[in-house]
């Protein structure tokens, strides 16, 4: 992102990491950090565009956004992480269900299943 020379280039980089976030190649916390950085860089590009256009608009002041984002993160609920299909079971019961305790939550699957299903109590 730091090598982007325009808002358009910055948007192209953002689209790539948003896609990685969707595929769960990046965690939600990394996504939030990247969005904060993208927003700060976008503000700088916007200020530069306003100055180049020589409009009589006051440029935006430089605001450190990290404390604002961190304060807002306190209200964001944790996103459930799904265990990968190759995570081994903790135990298998007499009915053929495999059980796993992952991030403090119980997950199950049968011998035919490849993905874990969250156990709703």
N, C-alpha and C. Protein backbone atom coordinates (compact mmCIF):
# COMPACT_ATOMS: atom_id res chain seq x y z
N UNK A 1 0.81 -1.18 0.00
CA UNK A 1 0.00 0.00 0.00
C UNK A 1 0.86 1.26 0.00
N UNK A 2 1.99 1.20 0.70
CA UNK A 2 2.85 2.38 0.78
C UNK A 2 3.46 2.74 -0.57
N UNK A 3 3.48 1.81 -1.51
CA UNK A 3 4.05 2.09 -2.83
C UNK A 3 3.02 2.64 -3.81
N UNK A 4 1.76 2.72 -3.40
CA UNK A 4 0.70 3.24 -4.27
C UNK A 4 0.94 4.73 -4.51
N UNK A 5 0.72 5.17 -5.76
CA UNK A 5 0.93 6.57 -6.14
C UNK A 5 -0.36 7.32 -6.39
N UNK A 6 -1.50 6.64 -6.24
CA UNK A 6 -2.78 7.30 -6.46
C UNK A 6 -3.86 6.55 -5.68
N UNK A 7 -5.02 7.18 -5.61
CA UNK A 7 -6.15 6.54 -4.93
C UNK A 7 -6.58 5.29 -5.69
N UNK A 8 -6.46 5.30 -7.01
CA UNK A 8 -6.84 4.15 -7.82
C UNK A 8 -5.93 2.95 -7.54
N UNK A 9 -4.61 3.21 -7.47
CA UNK A 9 -3.67 2.13 -7.14
C UNK A 9 -3.94 1.59 -5.74
N UNK A 10 -4.22 2.48 -4.82
CA UNK A 10 -4.54 2.08 -3.45
C UNK A 10 -5.79 1.21 -3.43
N UNK A 11 -6.79 1.56 -4.21
CA UNK A 11 -8.02 0.77 -4.28
C UNK A 11 -7.75 -0.62 -4.84
N UNK A 12 -6.86 -0.74 -5.83
CA UNK A 12 -6.52 -2.05 -6.39
C UNK A 12 -5.86 -2.95 -5.35
N UNK A 13 -4.98 -2.37 -4.54
CA UNK A 13 -4.33 -3.13 -3.47
C UNK A 13 -5.39 -3.56 -2.45
N UNK A 14 -6.28 -2.64 -2.10
CA UNK A 14 -7.32 -2.94 -1.12
C UNK A 14 -8.23 -4.08 -1.61
N UNK A 15 -8.54 -4.10 -2.88
CA UNK A 15 -9.38 -5.17 -3.42
C UNK A 15 -8.70 -6.54 -3.27
N UNK A 16 -7.38 -6.57 -3.44
CA UNK A 16 -6.66 -7.85 -3.31
C UNK A 16 -6.68 -8.35 -1.87
N UNK A 17 -6.43 -7.47 -0.89
CA UNK A 17 -6.43 -7.97 0.48
C UNK A 17 -7.84 -8.24 0.98
N UNK A 18 -8.86 -7.51 0.45
CA UNK A 18 -10.24 -7.83 0.82
C UNK A 18 -10.61 -9.23 0.32
N UNK A 19 -10.13 -9.59 -0.87
CA UNK A 19 -10.37 -10.92 -1.40
C UNK A 19 -9.69 -11.98 -0.52
N UNK A 20 -8.45 -11.69 -0.10
CA UNK A 20 -7.73 -12.61 0.79
C UNK A 20 -8.46 -12.75 2.12
N UNK A 21 -9.03 -11.66 2.61
CA UNK A 21 -9.80 -11.69 3.85
C UNK A 21 -11.03 -12.56 3.68
N UNK A 22 -11.69 -12.44 2.53
CA UNK A 22 -12.88 -13.24 2.25
C UNK A 22 -12.55 -14.73 2.21
N UNK A 23 -11.40 -15.07 1.67
CA UNK A 23 -10.98 -16.47 1.59
C UNK A 23 -10.36 -16.97 2.90
N UNK A 24 -10.34 -16.11 3.89
CA UNK A 24 -9.77 -16.41 5.21
C UNK A 24 -8.27 -16.67 5.15
N UNK A 25 -7.61 -16.05 4.19
CA UNK A 25 -6.15 -16.10 4.16
C UNK A 25 -5.58 -15.06 5.11
N UNK A 26 -6.40 -14.07 5.45
CA UNK A 26 -6.05 -13.06 6.43
C UNK A 26 -7.06 -13.11 7.56
N UNK A 27 -6.63 -12.83 8.76
CA UNK A 27 -7.54 -12.80 9.89
C UNK A 27 -8.26 -11.46 9.97
N UNK A 28 -9.37 -11.39 10.70
CA UNK A 28 -10.14 -10.16 10.81
C UNK A 28 -9.34 -9.00 11.39
N UNK A 29 -8.46 -9.29 12.35
CA UNK A 29 -7.68 -8.22 12.95
C UNK A 29 -6.69 -7.62 11.94
N UNK A 30 -6.09 -8.48 11.10
CA UNK A 30 -5.20 -7.96 10.06
C UNK A 30 -6.00 -7.12 9.07
N UNK A 31 -7.21 -7.56 8.75
CA UNK A 31 -8.07 -6.81 7.84
C UNK A 31 -8.41 -5.43 8.38
N UNK A 32 -8.68 -5.35 9.68
CA UNK A 32 -9.00 -4.06 10.30
C UNK A 32 -7.78 -3.15 10.27
N UNK A 33 -6.61 -3.71 10.54
CA UNK A 33 -5.38 -2.89 10.49
C UNK A 33 -5.11 -2.39 9.07
N UNK A 34 -5.27 -3.27 8.09
CA UNK A 34 -5.05 -2.86 6.71
C UNK A 34 -6.04 -1.78 6.29
N UNK A 35 -7.28 -1.90 6.73
CA UNK A 35 -8.29 -0.89 6.39
C UNK A 35 -7.94 0.45 7.01
N UNK A 36 -7.40 0.43 8.24
CA UNK A 36 -6.99 1.68 8.88
C UNK A 36 -5.86 2.34 8.08
N UNK A 37 -4.87 1.53 7.68
CA UNK A 37 -3.76 2.07 6.89
C UNK A 37 -4.25 2.61 5.55
N UNK A 38 -5.16 1.85 4.91
CA UNK A 38 -5.70 2.29 3.63
C UNK A 38 -6.43 3.62 3.78
N UNK A 39 -7.19 3.76 4.85
CA UNK A 39 -7.95 4.98 5.10
C UNK A 39 -7.01 6.18 5.29
N UNK A 40 -5.94 5.97 6.06
CA UNK A 40 -4.98 7.05 6.28
C UNK A 40 -4.30 7.47 4.98
N UNK A 41 -3.90 6.49 4.16
CA UNK A 41 -3.27 6.81 2.88
C UNK A 41 -4.27 7.48 1.94
N UNK A 42 -5.51 7.03 1.96
CA UNK A 42 -6.54 7.63 1.11
C UNK A 42 -6.75 9.10 1.49
N UNK A 43 -6.73 9.41 2.80
CA UNK A 43 -6.86 10.79 3.25
C UNK A 43 -5.71 11.65 2.72
N UNK A 44 -4.50 11.09 2.73
CA UNK A 44 -3.35 11.84 2.22
C UNK A 44 -3.49 12.11 0.72
N UNK A 45 -3.93 11.10 -0.04
CA UNK A 45 -4.15 11.30 -1.47
C UNK A 45 -5.24 12.33 -1.72
N UNK A 46 -6.29 12.29 -0.91
CA UNK A 46 -7.39 13.25 -1.07
C UNK A 46 -6.89 14.67 -0.81
N UNK A 47 -6.08 14.85 0.25
CA UNK A 47 -5.52 16.17 0.54
C UNK A 47 -4.65 16.66 -0.61
N UNK A 48 -3.83 15.76 -1.16
CA UNK A 48 -2.96 16.14 -2.28
C UNK A 48 -3.79 16.53 -3.50
N UNK A 49 -4.87 15.80 -3.77
CA UNK A 49 -5.73 16.13 -4.91
C UNK A 49 -6.39 17.49 -4.72
N UNK A 50 -6.80 17.78 -3.50
CA UNK A 50 -7.43 19.08 -3.23
C UNK A 50 -6.43 20.21 -3.42
N UNK A 51 -5.21 20.00 -2.95
CA UNK A 51 -4.19 21.03 -3.11
C UNK A 51 -3.83 21.23 -4.57
N UNK A 52 -3.75 20.13 -5.33
CA UNK A 52 -3.41 20.23 -6.75
C UNK A 52 -4.53 20.90 -7.53
N UNK A 53 -5.77 20.69 -7.12
CA UNK A 53 -6.89 21.31 -7.80
C UNK A 53 -6.99 22.79 -7.45
N UNK A 54 -6.20 23.21 -6.45
CA UNK A 54 -6.13 24.60 -6.04
C UNK A 54 -7.51 25.14 -5.66
N UNK A 55 -8.30 24.31 -5.02
CA UNK A 55 -9.60 24.73 -4.56
C UNK A 55 -9.43 25.48 -3.25
N UNK A 56 -10.39 26.30 -2.93
CA UNK A 56 -10.32 27.07 -1.69
C UNK A 56 -10.95 26.29 -0.54
N UNK A 57 -10.55 25.06 -0.43
CA UNK A 57 -11.01 24.20 0.65
C UNK A 57 -9.84 23.95 1.57
N UNK A 58 -10.09 24.08 2.85
CA UNK A 58 -9.05 23.79 3.82
C UNK A 58 -8.68 22.31 3.73
N UNK A 59 -7.40 21.98 3.61
CA UNK A 59 -7.03 20.57 3.62
C UNK A 59 -7.35 19.95 4.98
N UNK A 60 -7.62 18.66 4.94
CA UNK A 60 -7.91 17.95 6.18
C UNK A 60 -6.68 17.93 7.06
N UNK A 61 -6.89 18.05 8.34
CA UNK A 61 -5.75 17.98 9.25
C UNK A 61 -5.33 16.53 9.41
N UNK A 62 -4.08 16.34 9.71
CA UNK A 62 -3.55 14.98 9.92
C UNK A 62 -4.06 14.47 11.25
N UNK A 63 -4.82 13.38 11.20
CA UNK A 63 -5.39 12.79 12.41
C UNK A 63 -4.88 11.36 12.53
N UNK A 64 -4.36 11.04 13.69
CA UNK A 64 -3.93 9.67 13.94
C UNK A 64 -5.18 8.85 14.22
N UNK A 65 -5.48 7.90 13.34
CA UNK A 65 -6.73 7.16 13.43
C UNK A 65 -6.62 5.90 14.29
N UNK A 66 -5.42 5.46 14.60
CA UNK A 66 -5.26 4.21 15.36
C UNK A 66 -6.00 4.23 16.69
N UNK A 67 -5.89 5.30 17.51
CA UNK A 67 -6.64 5.28 18.78
C UNK A 67 -8.15 5.23 18.59
N UNK A 68 -8.64 5.86 17.54
CA UNK A 68 -10.08 5.85 17.26
C UNK A 68 -10.53 4.44 16.91
N UNK A 69 -9.77 3.78 16.02
CA UNK A 69 -10.12 2.42 15.60
C UNK A 69 -10.03 1.45 16.78
N UNK A 70 -8.98 1.57 17.58
CA UNK A 70 -8.81 0.68 18.72
C UNK A 70 -9.94 0.84 19.72
N UNK A 71 -10.42 2.07 19.93
CA UNK A 71 -11.54 2.30 20.84
C UNK A 71 -12.81 1.66 20.29
N UNK A 72 -13.00 1.73 18.98
CA UNK A 72 -14.19 1.13 18.36
C UNK A 72 -14.11 -0.39 18.37
N UNK A 73 -12.91 -0.96 18.34
CA UNK A 73 -12.75 -2.41 18.34
C UNK A 73 -13.25 -3.06 19.63
N UNK A 74 -13.29 -2.29 20.70
CA UNK A 74 -13.75 -2.84 21.97
C UNK A 74 -15.21 -3.26 21.89
N UNK A 75 -15.98 -2.64 20.97
CA UNK A 75 -17.40 -2.95 20.82
C UNK A 75 -17.67 -3.99 19.74
N UNK A 76 -16.63 -4.45 19.03
CA UNK A 76 -16.81 -5.42 17.95
C UNK A 76 -16.80 -6.82 18.54
N UNK A 77 -17.87 -7.61 18.25
CA UNK A 77 -17.87 -8.98 18.78
C UNK A 77 -16.82 -9.83 18.08
N UNK A 78 -16.33 -10.84 18.79
CA UNK A 78 -15.36 -11.76 18.21
C UNK A 78 -16.02 -12.56 17.10
N UNK A 79 -15.30 -12.77 16.03
CA UNK A 79 -15.79 -13.57 14.92
C UNK A 79 -15.41 -15.02 15.17
N UNK A 80 -16.39 -15.91 15.04
CA UNK A 80 -16.12 -17.33 15.25
C UNK A 80 -15.15 -17.84 14.20
N UNK A 81 -14.09 -18.44 14.66
CA UNK A 81 -13.15 -19.07 13.74
C UNK A 81 -13.55 -20.52 13.57
N UNK A 82 -13.59 -20.98 12.35
CA UNK A 82 -13.96 -22.36 12.06
C UNK A 82 -12.68 -23.18 11.96
N UNK A 83 -12.62 -24.31 12.67
CA UNK A 83 -11.42 -25.14 12.56
C UNK A 83 -11.29 -25.71 11.15
N UNK A 84 -10.07 -25.86 10.69
CA UNK A 84 -9.86 -26.40 9.35
C UNK A 84 -10.23 -27.88 9.33
N UNK A 85 -10.51 -28.37 8.14
CA UNK A 85 -10.97 -29.76 8.01
C UNK A 85 -9.90 -30.77 8.42
N UNK A 86 -8.63 -30.37 8.38
CA UNK A 86 -7.59 -31.33 8.77
C UNK A 86 -7.23 -31.28 10.26
N UNK A 87 -7.98 -30.49 11.04
CA UNK A 87 -7.77 -30.47 12.48
C UNK A 87 -8.25 -31.79 13.07
N UNK A 88 -7.39 -32.50 13.79
CA UNK A 88 -7.80 -33.81 14.33
C UNK A 88 -8.79 -33.66 15.48
N UNK A 89 -9.63 -34.66 15.65
CA UNK A 89 -10.63 -34.67 16.71
C UNK A 89 -9.98 -34.93 18.05
N UNK A 90 -10.61 -34.41 19.11
CA UNK A 90 -10.17 -34.71 20.47
C UNK A 90 -10.63 -36.10 20.88
N UNK A 91 -11.83 -36.47 20.43
CA UNK A 91 -12.37 -37.79 20.77
C UNK A 91 -13.48 -38.15 19.80
N UNK A 92 -13.82 -39.43 19.76
CA UNK A 92 -14.93 -39.94 18.95
C UNK A 92 -15.85 -40.72 19.87
N UNK A 93 -17.17 -40.42 19.79
CA UNK A 93 -18.11 -41.10 20.69
C UNK A 93 -18.61 -42.41 20.09
N UNK A 94 -19.46 -43.13 20.86
CA UNK A 94 -19.96 -44.44 20.44
C UNK A 94 -20.90 -44.38 19.25
N UNK A 95 -21.37 -43.16 18.87
CA UNK A 95 -22.27 -43.00 17.73
C UNK A 95 -21.51 -42.62 16.45
N UNK A 96 -20.21 -42.54 16.54
CA UNK A 96 -19.39 -42.22 15.37
C UNK A 96 -19.13 -40.74 15.16
N UNK A 97 -19.55 -39.91 16.10
CA UNK A 97 -19.31 -38.47 15.99
C UNK A 97 -17.93 -38.14 16.53
N UNK A 98 -17.18 -37.37 15.77
CA UNK A 98 -15.89 -36.87 16.23
C UNK A 98 -16.14 -35.51 16.87
N UNK A 99 -15.49 -35.27 18.00
CA UNK A 99 -15.68 -34.02 18.75
C UNK A 99 -14.36 -33.28 18.88
N UNK A 100 -14.48 -31.96 18.86
CA UNK A 100 -13.31 -31.10 18.97
C UNK A 100 -13.68 -29.88 19.79
N UNK A 101 -12.83 -29.51 20.72
CA UNK A 101 -12.99 -28.25 21.44
C UNK A 101 -12.00 -27.28 20.81
N UNK A 102 -12.53 -26.24 20.15
CA UNK A 102 -11.70 -25.30 19.40
C UNK A 102 -12.10 -23.88 19.81
N UNK A 103 -11.14 -23.12 20.30
CA UNK A 103 -11.38 -21.76 20.79
C UNK A 103 -12.50 -21.71 21.81
N UNK A 104 -12.56 -22.72 22.68
CA UNK A 104 -13.55 -22.74 23.74
C UNK A 104 -14.95 -23.15 23.29
N UNK A 105 -15.08 -23.61 22.05
CA UNK A 105 -16.38 -24.03 21.54
C UNK A 105 -16.29 -25.48 21.07
N UNK A 106 -17.42 -26.19 21.17
CA UNK A 106 -17.47 -27.60 20.76
C UNK A 106 -17.88 -27.71 19.30
N UNK A 107 -17.17 -28.58 18.58
CA UNK A 107 -17.42 -28.83 17.16
C UNK A 107 -17.55 -30.33 16.95
N UNK A 108 -18.33 -30.74 15.94
CA UNK A 108 -18.50 -32.16 15.67
C UNK A 108 -18.53 -32.42 14.18
N UNK A 109 -18.33 -33.68 13.82
CA UNK A 109 -18.49 -34.15 12.45
C UNK A 109 -18.59 -35.68 12.48
N UNK A 110 -19.18 -36.22 11.41
CA UNK A 110 -19.27 -37.68 11.27
C UNK A 110 -18.10 -38.14 10.41
N UNK A 111 -17.98 -39.44 10.25
CA UNK A 111 -16.89 -39.98 9.43
C UNK A 111 -17.03 -39.54 7.98
N UNK A 112 -18.28 -39.29 7.52
CA UNK A 112 -18.51 -38.86 6.14
C UNK A 112 -18.24 -37.37 5.92
N UNK A 113 -18.32 -36.58 7.00
CA UNK A 113 -18.13 -35.13 6.89
C UNK A 113 -16.65 -34.78 6.78
N UNK A 114 -16.37 -33.74 6.05
CA UNK A 114 -15.00 -33.23 5.99
C UNK A 114 -14.87 -31.93 6.78
N UNK A 115 -15.97 -31.21 6.96
CA UNK A 115 -15.93 -29.92 7.67
C UNK A 115 -16.53 -30.09 9.07
N UNK A 116 -16.05 -29.27 9.99
CA UNK A 116 -16.55 -29.25 11.35
C UNK A 116 -17.82 -28.41 11.42
N UNK A 117 -18.76 -28.82 12.27
CA UNK A 117 -20.01 -28.10 12.50
C UNK A 117 -20.03 -27.67 13.96
N UNK A 118 -20.35 -26.40 14.19
CA UNK A 118 -20.39 -25.88 15.56
C UNK A 118 -21.59 -26.49 16.28
N UNK A 119 -21.34 -27.01 17.49
CA UNK A 119 -22.41 -27.59 18.30
C UNK A 119 -23.14 -26.47 19.02
N UNK A 120 -24.43 -26.32 18.72
CA UNK A 120 -25.26 -25.31 19.37
C UNK A 120 -25.94 -25.96 20.56
N UNK A 121 -25.64 -25.47 21.73
CA UNK A 121 -26.20 -26.06 22.96
C UNK A 121 -27.49 -25.40 23.33
